Amino acid sequence: MNVVARLARRLLRAADNACAALSPGLLPKAGSLVGVNFHALYADRAEMENLSLAPNQDMTVEDLRRFLELMLQSGWQAVSAQQVDQGLPPGGHYLLLTFDDGYFNHTRALAVLEQFHAPGLFFISSRHVVEGKGFWWDALARELRLRGASDDEVETETARMKIGQHEQIEQALRVRFGRDALKPRGDLDRPLAPDELRDFSRHRWVSIGNHTRDHAILPNCTPQEMKLQIEGCQADLAAITGHRPLAIAYPNGDYSRETVQAARAAGLRLGWTVRPCANRLMPRDSDPARMTLGRHHVWGGEDFALQCRKIRAGFIPGHLLKSLMMSAY
């Protein structure tokens, strides 16, 4: 990332924080659904010294607990994907917790979900589970850091790789770093195993969602490849858990009209992006907004009260900019 881009990011972040601090801190207009998104969960901050995972949200289990406690105390009600699909009562303020990719470390969330009686929706990239392979962004970050790369350099290289298809990305990593480049280094960076996912899916506060077979960035795929990625994941997850998911999270948040059509054709009823916005309630099955719902990222080690205010605020410049950049549908 060059100096100009770094400065622009700092200025935008400062503007976001100022808008959040100046917002009244009240709940938004009644009748809204907020999705929040997590990736890996660290046991504690000391575990972040382990370089197996890509730099991401730096969330610990305690961070998750503190954030959820603040949101619930602020008047939000945690709901499940099934409740969203069936239609939420008007006038409420609803929160859906989502976790992407299918890491084994997501099992650490269970104690928090149980404590607050909060459902979690876990989006699974099924071939990682079936084959036990690691996630390419973690492998890339680990290998680059071992070679002295900074987090900015890792971020730049990761963004560059995302323009390719998953087979090209994974093959490039094996050529560059060796045939075992995608082999997980331990429980922190590995996916759930099939038997672990089966047991995990039966937990009272867990539901399972589609994240494609290979974490494929769907607009990079042909229509046939989109179909195989989405329907193949549905079939894999049904074989492992006994249930076909009703929700999909588009990898990287990227989607298109063709992506939404392919998801609907596979029987999926809810679709999640990473546009940071509140969602209006959708009483009708035919409402197209059901397939392009927004989610907020939450960052560990930062002021959670301020982050909650950002989620509640009516205007945050960075949120608006990201939403505009992702308006592909």
Protein backbone atom coordinates (compact mmCIF):
# COMPACT_ATOMS: atom_id res chain seq x y z
CA MET A 1 0.00 0.00 0.00
CA ASN A 2 1.51 3.34 -1.02
CA VAL A 3 1.79 6.43 1.19
CA VAL A 4 -1.18 8.20 -0.41
CA ALA A 5 -3.47 5.20 0.05
CA ARG A 6 -2.34 4.80 3.65
CA LEU A 7 -3.03 8.49 4.37
CA ALA A 8 -6.45 8.31 2.70
CA ARG A 9 -7.36 5.30 4.84
CA ARG A 10 -6.31 7.09 8.02
CA LEU A 11 -8.34 10.17 7.11
CA LEU A 12 -11.40 8.11 6.29
CA ARG A 13 -11.07 6.20 9.56
CA ALA A 14 -10.81 9.49 11.47
CA ALA A 15 -13.95 10.77 9.71
CA ASP A 16 -15.79 7.54 10.57
CA ASN A 17 -14.81 7.79 14.23
CA ALA A 18 -15.85 11.44 14.38
CA CYS A 19 -19.27 10.71 12.87
CA ALA A 20 -19.78 7.83 15.29
CA ALA A 21 -18.74 9.95 18.28
CA LEU A 22 -21.13 12.74 17.24
CA SER A 23 -24.06 10.43 16.57
CA PRO A 24 -26.77 10.40 19.22
CA GLY A 25 -25.99 6.78 20.06
CA LEU A 26 -29.63 5.80 19.79
CA LEU A 27 -30.99 2.74 18.07
CA PRO A 28 -31.81 3.24 14.38
CA LYS A 29 -35.36 3.43 13.12
CA ALA A 30 -37.43 0.54 14.43
CA GLY A 31 -37.58 -2.48 12.18
CA SER A 32 -33.97 -3.18 11.22
CA LEU A 33 -31.70 -6.20 10.97
CA VAL A 34 -27.93 -5.90 11.43
CA GLY A 35 -25.57 -8.68 10.42
CA VAL A 36 -22.07 -8.80 11.90
CA ASN A 37 -19.28 -10.92 10.49
CA PHE A 38 -16.34 -12.70 12.12
CA HIS A 39 -13.56 -14.86 10.75
CA ALA A 40 -10.96 -16.58 12.92
CA LEU A 41 -11.27 -16.52 16.72
CA TYR A 42 -8.12 -16.38 18.84
CA ALA A 43 -8.08 -17.83 22.35
CA ASP A 44 -6.38 -14.66 23.62
CA ARG A 45 -4.19 -11.82 22.38
CA ALA A 46 -0.98 -13.76 23.05
CA GLU A 47 -2.06 -16.32 20.45
CA MET A 48 -1.89 -13.61 17.78
CA GLU A 49 1.89 -14.04 17.85
CA ASN A 50 1.24 -17.27 15.98
CA LEU A 51 1.66 -16.40 12.29
CA SER A 52 -0.57 -19.19 10.95
CA LEU A 53 -3.47 -16.83 10.17
CA ALA A 54 -3.69 -13.88 7.83
CA PRO A 55 -4.03 -10.44 9.45
CA ASN A 56 -7.75 -9.96 9.74
CA GLN A 57 -10.06 -8.85 12.54
CA ASP A 58 -7.87 -9.84 15.54
CA MET A 59 -10.91 -11.13 17.41
CA THR A 60 -10.48 -13.10 20.62
CA VAL A 61 -13.18 -15.06 22.40
CA GLU A 62 -13.31 -12.34 25.05
CA ASP A 63 -13.68 -9.69 22.32
CA LEU A 64 -16.67 -11.59 20.95
CA ARG A 65 -18.18 -11.78 24.43
CA ARG A 66 -17.71 -8.07 25.12
CA PHE A 67 -19.10 -6.98 21.76
CA LEU A 68 -22.18 -9.19 22.01
CA GLU A 69 -22.84 -8.07 25.58
CA LEU A 70 -22.70 -4.39 24.52
CA MET A 71 -25.06 -4.93 21.58
CA LEU A 72 -27.61 -6.82 23.66
CA GLN A 73 -27.44 -4.21 26.44
CA SER A 74 -28.07 -1.54 23.77
CA GLY A 75 -31.42 -3.06 22.87
CA TRP A 76 -30.60 -5.49 20.04
CA GLN A 77 -32.15 -8.97 19.96
CA ALA A 78 -30.02 -11.83 18.63
CA VAL A 79 -31.88 -13.93 16.03
CA SER A 80 -31.20 -16.94 13.83
CA ALA A 81 -31.20 -17.31 10.05
CA GLN A 82 -34.38 -19.35 10.36
CA GLN A 83 -36.11 -16.47 12.16
CA VAL A 84 -34.96 -14.04 9.46
CA ASP A 85 -36.28 -16.37 6.76
CA GLN A 86 -39.64 -16.80 8.47
CA GLY A 87 -40.06 -13.05 8.94
CA LEU A 88 -39.19 -10.96 11.99
CA PRO A 89 -41.87 -9.08 13.92
CA PRO A 90 -42.01 -5.40 12.91
CA GLY A 91 -40.65 -2.75 15.22
CA GLY A 92 -37.69 -4.68 16.60
CA HIS A 93 -33.93 -4.24 16.37
CA TYR A 94 -32.37 -7.54 15.37
CA LEU A 95 -28.80 -8.83 15.34
CA LEU A 96 -27.48 -11.83 13.40
CA LEU A 97 -24.00 -13.17 14.22
CA THR A 98 -22.18 -14.77 11.29
CA PHE A 99 -18.83 -16.57 11.01
CA ASP A 100 -17.16 -17.24 7.67
CA ASP A 101 -15.09 -20.05 6.17
CA GLY A 102 -15.40 -23.04 8.52
CA TYR A 103 -12.38 -22.75 10.83
CA PHE A 104 -12.08 -25.29 13.64
CA ASN A 105 -11.41 -22.33 15.94
CA HIS A 106 -15.06 -21.30 15.49
CA THR A 107 -15.92 -23.95 18.08
CA ARG A 108 -14.56 -21.43 20.59
CA ALA A 109 -17.65 -19.30 19.98
CA LEU A 110 -19.98 -21.90 21.47
CA ALA A 111 -19.48 -20.88 25.10
CA VAL A 112 -20.33 -17.26 24.23
CA LEU A 113 -23.41 -18.23 22.21
CA GLU A 114 -24.59 -20.42 25.09
CA GLN A 115 -23.97 -17.68 27.66
CA PHE A 116 -26.15 -15.15 25.83
CA HIS A 117 -28.57 -17.59 24.15
CA ALA A 118 -27.48 -16.07 20.83
CA PRO A 119 -27.70 -18.02 17.55
CA GLY A 120 -24.68 -18.12 15.25
CA LEU A 121 -24.74 -18.69 11.49
CA PHE A 122 -21.54 -20.39 10.28
CA PHE A 123 -20.77 -20.23 6.56
CA ILE A 124 -18.71 -23.21 5.41
CA SER A 125 -16.45 -23.68 2.38
CA SER A 126 -17.16 -27.37 2.05
CA ARG A 127 -14.15 -28.67 0.11
CA HIS A 128 -11.81 -27.33 2.77
CA VAL A 129 -13.72 -29.47 5.26
CA VAL A 130 -13.80 -32.55 3.02
CA GLU A 131 -10.12 -32.35 2.00
CA GLY A 132 -8.72 -30.82 5.20
CA LYS A 133 -6.85 -28.17 3.24
CA GLY A 134 -5.98 -24.77 4.67
CA PHE A 135 -7.25 -21.44 3.39
CA TRP A 136 -5.06 -19.87 0.74
CA TRP A 137 -5.00 -16.37 2.29
CA ASP A 138 -3.59 -17.81 5.51
CA ALA A 139 -0.95 -19.78 3.63
CA LEU A 140 0.05 -16.71 1.61
CA ALA A 141 0.29 -14.47 4.68
CA ARG A 142 2.32 -17.04 6.61
CA GLU A 143 4.84 -17.60 3.84
CA LEU A 144 5.23 -13.89 3.07
CA ARG A 145 5.71 -13.01 6.75
CA LEU A 146 8.35 -15.73 7.09
CA ARG A 147 10.15 -13.92 4.29
CA GLY A 148 9.97 -10.57 6.08
CA ALA A 149 6.90 -9.01 4.42
CA SER A 150 4.94 -6.33 6.30
CA ASP A 151 1.19 -6.51 6.88
CA ASP A 152 0.72 -3.84 4.19
CA GLU A 153 2.64 -6.00 1.72
CA VAL A 154 0.61 -9.04 2.68
CA GLU A 155 -2.62 -7.09 2.17
CA THR A 156 -1.51 -5.83 -1.24
CA GLU A 157 -0.48 -9.31 -2.41
CA THR A 158 -3.70 -10.87 -1.12
CA ALA A 159 -5.80 -8.31 -3.02
CA ARG A 160 -3.82 -9.03 -6.18
CA MET A 161 -4.40 -12.77 -5.88
CA LYS A 162 -8.16 -12.36 -5.49
CA ILE A 163 -8.63 -11.46 -9.13
CA GLY A 164 -7.90 -15.08 -10.09
CA GLN A 165 -9.97 -18.22 -9.75
CA HIS A 166 -9.40 -20.49 -6.79
CA GLU A 167 -7.61 -23.23 -8.77
CA GLN A 168 -5.15 -20.68 -10.19
CA ILE A 169 -4.54 -19.15 -6.76
CA GLU A 170 -3.90 -22.47 -5.04
CA GLN A 171 -1.66 -23.75 -7.82
CA ALA A 172 0.34 -20.53 -7.78
CA LEU A 173 0.93 -20.94 -4.04
CA ARG A 174 2.11 -24.53 -4.46
CA VAL A 175 4.51 -23.51 -7.21
CA ARG A 176 5.81 -20.56 -5.23
CA PHE A 177 6.01 -22.06 -1.74
CA GLY A 178 5.97 -25.84 -2.22
CA ARG A 179 3.38 -28.58 -2.58
CA ASP A 180 2.52 -28.45 1.15
CA ALA A 181 1.81 -24.71 1.11
CA LEU A 182 -1.91 -25.29 1.83
CA LYS A 183 -1.35 -27.81 4.59
CA PRO A 184 -2.67 -26.41 7.91
CA ARG A 185 -0.05 -25.89 10.60
CA GLY A 186 -2.31 -26.73 13.55
CA ASP A 187 -5.74 -26.31 15.11
CA LEU A 188 -5.62 -22.54 14.76
CA ASP A 189 -5.63 -22.39 10.95
CA ARG A 190 -7.28 -25.68 10.00
CA PRO A 191 -10.89 -26.17 8.93
CA LEU A 192 -13.35 -28.33 10.78
CA ALA A 193 -13.16 -32.03 9.89
CA PRO A 194 -16.36 -33.65 8.52
CA ASP A 195 -17.21 -35.43 11.78
CA GLU A 196 -16.50 -32.25 13.75
CA LEU A 197 -18.77 -30.24 11.45
CA ARG A 198 -21.52 -32.84 11.81
CA ASP A 199 -21.41 -32.59 15.60
CA PHE A 200 -20.99 -28.80 15.53
CA SER A 201 -24.08 -28.39 13.30
CA ARG A 202 -26.22 -30.16 15.90
CA HIS A 203 -25.50 -27.61 18.60
CA ARG A 204 -28.58 -25.71 19.75
CA TRP A 205 -27.20 -22.28 18.84
CA VAL A 206 -25.57 -23.22 15.51
CA SER A 207 -26.88 -23.14 11.97
CA ILE A 208 -24.81 -23.85 8.86
CA GLY A 209 -24.62 -21.75 5.69
CA ASN A 210 -23.16 -22.08 2.19
CA HIS A 211 -19.82 -20.38 1.44
CA THR A 212 -19.23 -22.24 -1.86
CA ARG A 213 -17.15 -25.37 -2.28
CA ASP A 214 -13.76 -23.65 -2.62
CA HIS A 215 -14.37 -20.14 -1.27
CA ALA A 216 -14.66 -19.16 -4.92
CA ILE A 217 -15.12 -15.45 -5.63
CA LEU A 218 -18.21 -16.01 -7.69
CA PRO A 219 -18.12 -13.09 -10.18
CA ASN A 220 -14.72 -14.47 -11.30
CA CYS A 221 -16.46 -17.72 -12.33
CA THR A 222 -18.36 -18.72 -15.44
CA PRO A 223 -22.10 -19.40 -14.98
CA GLN A 224 -21.44 -23.15 -14.98
CA GLU A 225 -18.66 -22.81 -12.41
CA MET A 226 -20.94 -20.66 -10.22
CA LYS A 227 -23.55 -23.40 -10.33
CA LEU A 228 -21.04 -26.10 -9.42
CA GLN A 229 -19.58 -24.05 -6.57
CA ILE A 230 -22.95 -23.24 -5.00
CA GLU A 231 -24.83 -26.48 -5.65
CA GLY A 232 -21.76 -28.58 -4.86
CA CYS A 233 -21.49 -26.91 -1.46
CA GLN A 234 -25.19 -27.53 -0.82
CA ALA A 235 -24.71 -31.22 -1.60
CA ASP A 236 -21.52 -31.52 0.48
CA LEU A 237 -23.06 -29.89 3.53
CA ALA A 238 -26.24 -31.95 3.24
CA ALA A 239 -24.14 -35.13 3.13
CA ILE A 240 -22.17 -34.10 6.24
CA THR A 241 -24.87 -32.47 8.38
CA GLY A 242 -28.10 -33.93 6.99
CA HIS A 243 -29.47 -30.48 6.08
CA ARG A 244 -29.24 -28.20 3.07
CA PRO A 245 -28.45 -24.59 4.07
CA LEU A 246 -30.99 -21.83 3.51
CA ALA A 247 -28.39 -19.00 3.49
CA ILE A 248 -25.24 -18.20 1.54
CA ALA A 249 -22.44 -15.72 2.20
CA TYR A 250 -20.77 -14.71 -1.05
CA PRO A 251 -16.99 -15.15 -0.60
CA ASN A 252 -15.23 -11.79 -0.31
CA GLY A 253 -18.74 -10.28 -0.34
CA ASP A 254 -18.65 -10.16 -4.15
CA TYR A 255 -21.84 -10.90 -6.06
CA SER A 256 -23.63 -10.17 -9.32
CA ARG A 257 -27.07 -10.67 -10.80
CA GLU A 258 -25.93 -14.07 -12.12
CA THR A 259 -24.59 -15.01 -8.68
CA VAL A 260 -27.93 -14.26 -7.03
CA GLN A 261 -29.81 -16.21 -9.69
CA ALA A 262 -27.53 -19.24 -9.20
CA ALA A 263 -28.02 -19.08 -5.44
CA ARG A 264 -31.79 -18.92 -5.76
CA ALA A 265 -31.75 -21.81 -8.23
CA ALA A 266 -29.89 -23.91 -5.63
CA GLY A 267 -32.72 -23.34 -3.16
CA LEU A 268 -31.00 -20.67 -1.06
CA ARG A 269 -33.36 -18.12 0.47
CA LEU A 270 -30.99 -15.58 2.08
CA GLY A 271 -27.77 -14.10 0.70
CA TRP A 272 -25.16 -12.09 2.64
CA THR A 273 -22.61 -9.61 1.33
CA VAL A 274 -20.15 -7.48 3.34
CA ARG A 275 -21.81 -4.13 2.65
CA PRO A 276 -21.75 -2.40 6.06
CA CYS A 277 -25.39 -1.39 6.39
CA ALA A 278 -28.53 -2.10 8.37
CA ASN A 279 -31.11 -4.17 6.53
CA ARG A 280 -34.81 -3.46 6.47
CA LEU A 281 -37.13 -6.28 7.47
CA MET A 282 -38.42 -8.40 4.58
CA PRO A 283 -41.88 -9.86 5.10
CA ARG A 284 -42.15 -11.28 1.57
CA ASP A 285 -40.28 -14.30 0.20
CA SER A 286 -40.06 -12.57 -3.16
CA ASP A 287 -38.24 -9.50 -1.82
CA PRO A 288 -34.94 -9.30 -3.78
CA ALA A 289 -33.22 -7.66 -0.79
CA ARG A 290 -33.23 -11.08 0.90
CA MET A 291 -30.34 -12.15 -1.35
CA THR A 292 -28.08 -9.10 -0.90
CA LEU A 293 -28.12 -8.46 2.85
CA GLY A 294 -25.35 -6.40 4.41
CA ARG A 295 -22.96 -7.27 7.25
CA HIS A 296 -20.56 -5.25 9.39
CA HIS A 297 -17.04 -6.35 10.29
CA VAL A 298 -16.11 -6.02 13.95
CA TRP A 299 -12.47 -5.45 14.90
CA GLY A 300 -10.83 -6.92 17.97
CA GLY A 301 -8.73 -4.83 20.31
CA GLU A 302 -10.59 -1.64 19.38
CA ASP A 303 -13.19 0.44 21.19
CA PHE A 304 -16.31 -1.73 21.05
CA ALA A 305 -18.58 1.04 22.30
CA LEU A 306 -17.45 3.18 19.36
CA GLN A 307 -17.91 0.28 16.93
CA CYS A 308 -21.43 -0.27 18.23
CA ARG A 309 -22.13 3.43 17.67
CA LYS A 310 -20.89 3.07 14.09
CA ILE A 311 -23.33 0.22 13.54
CA ARG A 312 -26.19 2.32 14.98
CA ALA A 313 -25.22 5.60 13.29
CA GLY A 314 -27.20 6.83 10.32
CA PHE A 315 -24.16 8.10 8.44
CA ILE A 316 -20.59 6.76 8.44
CA PRO A 317 -18.49 7.89 5.42
CA GLY A 318 -16.52 4.64 5.16
CA HIS A 319 -19.67 2.54 5.27
CA LEU A 320 -21.29 4.62 2.53
CA LEU A 321 -18.18 4.42 0.35
CA LYS A 322 -17.89 0.64 0.71
CA SER A 323 -21.59 0.17 0.00
CA LEU A 324 -21.33 2.25 -3.16
CA MET A 325 -18.28 0.31 -4.32
CA MET A 326 -20.14 -2.99 -3.81
CA SER A 327 -23.40 -1.99 -5.50
CA ALA A 328 -23.00 -4.58 -8.24
CA TYR A 329 -26.58 -5.89 -8.24
